[in-house]
Amino acid sequence: MNIIALILFMTLIGSMWLFPTWTFVLGIIFLLFSLSTAIYSIFKKHKGTENSRSKIAKDVLILVITLLLIIFLGGLAGMFANYYASPRFGGVAGFVAAIIASLVVGYLVKTGVVKIFKWR
C-alpha cells in the first residue's frame, strides 16, 4: 500500500505541471485512498476483539476529529504565514512558508491528539 500511495503522490505532483485541470481530481483520489487505508487499518486492528464496534467507532471518530483539526488549523496557519511572508519576500517565499507552517501545525496537532488519547 505504501508504493501505491507514493505513486499517487508523485502523479499528483506531476499533474500540476502536465495536467493542471486534473490535479483536483487526483487530490481527491489521493485523500480518499489515504482515508480508506487508515479506516482499513482500524478495522484490522480491532478484528476479533470484544466490543469491537465501540472501539472502531471511537478510533474513526478520533481520526475524523484529528483530520478536521489538522485541515482547519493548518489552513489558518498557512494563510497567516503567506499573508506575512508574501509582501516582504515574494509570492514563492510566501507559498513555501505557508506549506511549512501548515505541515508543522499538522504535526503538532497529531502529536497532541496522540498524547491526549494515550493519556486516558
C-alpha atoms as a PDB file:
ATOM      1  CA  MET A   1       0.000   0.000   0.000  1.00  0.00           C
ATOM      2  CA  ASN A   2       2.908   2.363   0.594  1.00  0.00           C
ATOM      3  CA  ILE A   3       4.003   2.009  -3.025  1.00  0.00           C
ATOM      4  CA  ILE A   4       0.503   2.820  -4.269  1.00  0.00           C
ATOM      5  CA  ALA A   5       0.389   5.911  -2.029  1.00  0.00           C
ATOM      6  CA  LEU A   6       3.816   7.017  -3.272  1.00  0.00           C
ATOM      7  CA  ILE A   7       2.776   6.541  -6.918  1.00  0.00           C
ATOM      8  CA  LEU A   8      -0.444   8.514  -6.322  1.00  0.00           C
ATOM      9  CA  PHE A   9       1.505  11.307  -4.638  1.00  0.00           C
ATOM     10  CA  MET A  10       4.080  11.516  -7.434  1.00  0.00           C
ATOM     11  CA  THR A  11       1.260  11.540 -10.003  1.00  0.00           C
ATOM     12  CA  LEU A  12      -0.410  14.356  -8.069  1.00  0.00           C
ATOM     13  CA  ILE A  13       2.795  16.404  -8.036  1.00  0.00           C
ATOM     14  CA  GLY A  14       3.485  15.686 -11.726  1.00  0.00           C
ATOM     15  CA  SER A  15      -0.053  16.588 -12.742  1.00  0.00           C
ATOM     16  CA  MET A  16       0.434  20.148 -11.502  1.00  0.00           C
ATOM     17  CA  TRP A  17       2.709  20.829 -14.472  1.00  0.00           C
ATOM     18  CA  LEU A  18       1.319  18.481 -17.118  1.00  0.00           C
ATOM     19  CA  PHE A  19      -2.436  18.383 -16.410  1.00  0.00           C
ATOM     20  CA  PRO A  20      -3.376  21.201 -14.023  1.00  0.00           C
ATOM     21  CA  THR A  21      -7.114  20.654 -14.519  1.00  0.00           C
ATOM     22  CA  TRP A  22      -6.840  17.065 -13.250  1.00  0.00           C
ATOM     23  CA  THR A  23      -4.920  17.979 -10.101  1.00  0.00           C
ATOM     24  CA  PHE A  24      -8.117  18.492  -8.102  1.00  0.00           C
ATOM     25  CA  VAL A  25      -9.472  15.070  -9.087  1.00  0.00           C
ATOM     26  CA  LEU A  26      -6.164  13.350  -8.315  1.00  0.00           C
ATOM     27  CA  GLY A  27      -6.002  15.160  -4.960  1.00  0.00           C
ATOM     28  CA  ILE A  28      -9.433  13.832  -4.015  1.00  0.00           C
ATOM     29  CA  ILE A  29      -8.432  10.323  -5.106  1.00  0.00           C
ATOM     30  CA  PHE A  30      -5.260  10.558  -3.001  1.00  0.00           C
ATOM     31  CA  LEU A  31      -7.244  11.797   0.014  1.00  0.00           C
ATOM     32  CA  LEU A  32      -9.852   9.034  -0.315  1.00  0.00           C
ATOM     33  CA  PHE A  33      -7.128   6.399  -0.682  1.00  0.00           C
ATOM     34  CA  SER A  34      -5.406   7.676   2.458  1.00  0.00           C
ATOM     35  CA  LEU A  35      -8.651   7.692   4.441  1.00  0.00           C
ATOM     36  CA  SER A  36      -9.620   4.221   3.260  1.00  0.00           C
ATOM     37  CA  THR A  37      -6.187   2.891   4.222  1.00  0.00           C
ATOM     38  CA  ALA A  38      -6.488   4.431   7.690  1.00  0.00           C
ATOM     39  CA  ILE A  39     -10.003   3.063   8.226  1.00  0.00           C
ATOM     40  CA  TYR A  40      -8.955  -0.360   6.928  1.00  0.00           C
ATOM     41  CA  SER A  41      -6.107  -0.462   9.442  1.00  0.00           C
ATOM     42  CA  ILE A  42      -8.553   0.465  12.227  1.00  0.00           C
ATOM     43  CA  PHE A  43     -10.840  -2.421  11.236  1.00  0.00           C
ATOM     44  CA  LYS A  44      -7.859  -4.772  11.012  1.00  0.00           C
ATOM     45  CA  LYS A  45      -6.615  -3.680  14.447  1.00  0.00           C
ATOM     46  CA  HIS A  46      -9.932  -4.409  16.186  1.00  0.00           C
ATOM     47  CA  LYS A  47     -10.821  -7.584  14.310  1.00  0.00           C
ATOM     48  CA  GLY A  48     -11.784 -10.354  16.706  1.00  0.00           C
ATOM     49  CA  THR A  49     -11.794  -8.250  19.875  1.00  0.00           C
ATOM     50  CA  GLU A  50     -14.704  -7.897  22.232  1.00  0.00           C
ATOM     51  CA  ASN A  51     -16.755  -4.721  21.942  1.00  0.00           C
ATOM     52  CA  SER A  52     -15.174  -4.080  18.560  1.00  0.00           C
ATOM     53  CA  ARG A  53     -17.927  -1.791  17.264  1.00  0.00           C
ATOM     54  CA  SER A  54     -17.474   0.773  20.020  1.00  0.00           C
ATOM     55  CA  LYS A  55     -13.686   0.658  19.671  1.00  0.00           C
ATOM     56  CA  ILE A  56     -13.915   1.064  15.893  1.00  0.00           C
ATOM     57  CA  ALA A  57     -16.369   3.945  16.267  1.00  0.00           C
ATOM     58  CA  LYS A  58     -14.087   5.641  18.807  1.00  0.00           C
ATOM     59  CA  ASP A  59     -10.995   5.297  16.616  1.00  0.00           C
ATOM     60  CA  VAL A  60     -12.787   6.519  13.483  1.00  0.00           C
ATOM     61  CA  LEU A  61     -14.181   9.486  15.421  1.00  0.00           C
ATOM     62  CA  ILE A  62     -10.686  10.349  16.682  1.00  0.00           C
ATOM     63  CA  LEU A  63      -9.375  10.058  13.110  1.00  0.00           C
ATOM     64  CA  VAL A  64     -12.055  12.374  11.720  1.00  0.00           C
ATOM     65  CA  ILE A  65     -11.672  14.956  14.502  1.00  0.00           C
ATOM     66  CA  THR A  66      -7.892  14.931  14.105  1.00  0.00           C
ATOM     67  CA  LEU A  67      -8.166  15.314  10.351  1.00  0.00           C
ATOM     68  CA  LEU A  68     -10.598  18.225  10.668  1.00  0.00           C
ATOM     69  CA  LEU A  69      -8.368  19.950  13.231  1.00  0.00           C
ATOM     70  CA  ILE A  70      -5.304  19.500  11.043  1.00  0.00           C
ATOM     71  CA  ILE A  71      -7.093  20.844   7.968  1.00  0.00           C
ATOM     72  CA  PHE A  72      -8.610  23.835   9.763  1.00  0.00           C
ATOM     73  CA  LEU A  73      -5.665  24.889  11.914  1.00  0.00           C
ATOM     74  CA  GLY A  74      -3.102  24.071   9.214  1.00  0.00           C
ATOM     75  CA  GLY A  75      -5.060  26.162   6.734  1.00  0.00           C
ATOM     76  CA  LEU A  76      -5.207  29.089   9.137  1.00  0.00           C
ATOM     77  CA  ALA A  77      -1.500  28.881   9.911  1.00  0.00           C
ATOM     78  CA  GLY A  78      -0.667  28.642   6.223  1.00  0.00           C
ATOM     79  CA  MET A  79      -2.875  31.619   5.425  1.00  0.00           C
ATOM     80  CA  PHE A  80      -1.240  33.771   8.104  1.00  0.00           C
ATOM     81  CA  ALA A  81       2.258  32.691   7.096  1.00  0.00           C
ATOM     82  CA  ASN A  82       1.542  33.540   3.458  1.00  0.00           C
ATOM     83  CA  TYR A  83      -0.031  36.859   4.421  1.00  0.00           C
ATOM     84  CA  TYR A  84       3.019  37.977   6.385  1.00  0.00           C
ATOM     85  CA  ALA A  85       5.758  36.463   4.200  1.00  0.00           C
ATOM     86  CA  SER A  86       4.497  37.380   0.711  1.00  0.00           C
ATOM     87  CA  PRO A  87       4.800  41.186   0.925  1.00  0.00           C
ATOM     88  CA  ARG A  88       8.324  41.009   2.345  1.00  0.00           C
ATOM     89  CA  PHE A  89       9.892  38.128   0.439  1.00  0.00           C
ATOM     90  CA  GLY A  90       7.652  37.499  -2.589  1.00  0.00           C
ATOM     91  CA  GLY A  91       4.955  35.058  -3.626  1.00  0.00           C
ATOM     92  CA  VAL A  92       7.117  31.941  -3.809  1.00  0.00           C
ATOM     93  CA  ALA A  93       8.543  32.504  -0.340  1.00  0.00           C
ATOM     94  CA  GLY A  94       5.019  33.090   0.975  1.00  0.00           C
ATOM     95  CA  PHE A  95       3.850  29.829  -0.576  1.00  0.00           C
ATOM     96  CA  VAL A  96       6.787  27.904   0.908  1.00  0.00           C
ATOM     97  CA  ALA A  97       6.191  29.498   4.309  1.00  0.00           C
ATOM     98  CA  ALA A  98       2.511  28.538   4.115  1.00  0.00           C
ATOM     99  CA  ILE A  99       3.320  24.916   3.271  1.00  0.00           C
ATOM    100  CA  ILE A 100       5.890  24.651   6.065  1.00  0.00           C
ATOM    101  CA  ALA A 101       3.565  26.293   8.596  1.00  0.00           C
ATOM    102  CA  SER A 102       0.655  24.017   7.722  1.00  0.00           C
ATOM    103  CA  LEU A 103       2.847  20.903   7.950  1.00  0.00           C
ATOM    104  CA  VAL A 104       4.243  21.962  11.333  1.00  0.00           C
ATOM    105  CA  VAL A 105       0.766  22.700  12.700  1.00  0.00           C
ATOM    106  CA  GLY A 106      -0.494  19.365  11.351  1.00  0.00           C
ATOM    107  CA  TYR A 107       2.351  17.529  13.065  1.00  0.00           C
ATOM    108  CA  LEU A 108       1.749  19.362  16.338  1.00  0.00           C
ATOM    109  CA  VAL A 109      -1.991  18.643  16.257  1.00  0.00           C
ATOM    110  CA  LYS A 110      -1.330  14.961  15.533  1.00  0.00           C
ATOM    111  CA  THR A 111       1.164  14.605  18.392  1.00  0.00           C
ATOM    112  CA  GLY A 112      -1.178  16.494  20.723  1.00  0.00           C
ATOM    113  CA  VAL A 113      -4.133  14.268  19.898  1.00  0.00           C
ATOM    114  CA  VAL A 114      -1.997  11.158  20.322  1.00  0.00           C
ATOM    115  CA  LYS A 115      -0.830  12.371  23.750  1.00  0.00           C
ATOM    116  CA  ILE A 116      -4.375  13.205  24.827  1.00  0.00           C
ATOM    117  CA  PHE A 117      -5.795   9.816  23.896  1.00  0.00           C
ATOM    118  CA  LYS A 118      -2.800   7.805  25.144  1.00  0.00           C
ATOM    119  CA  TRP A 119      -3.143   9.568  28.491  1.00  0.00           C
ATOM    120  CA  ARG A 120      -6.690   8.338  29.027  1.00  0.00           C
END
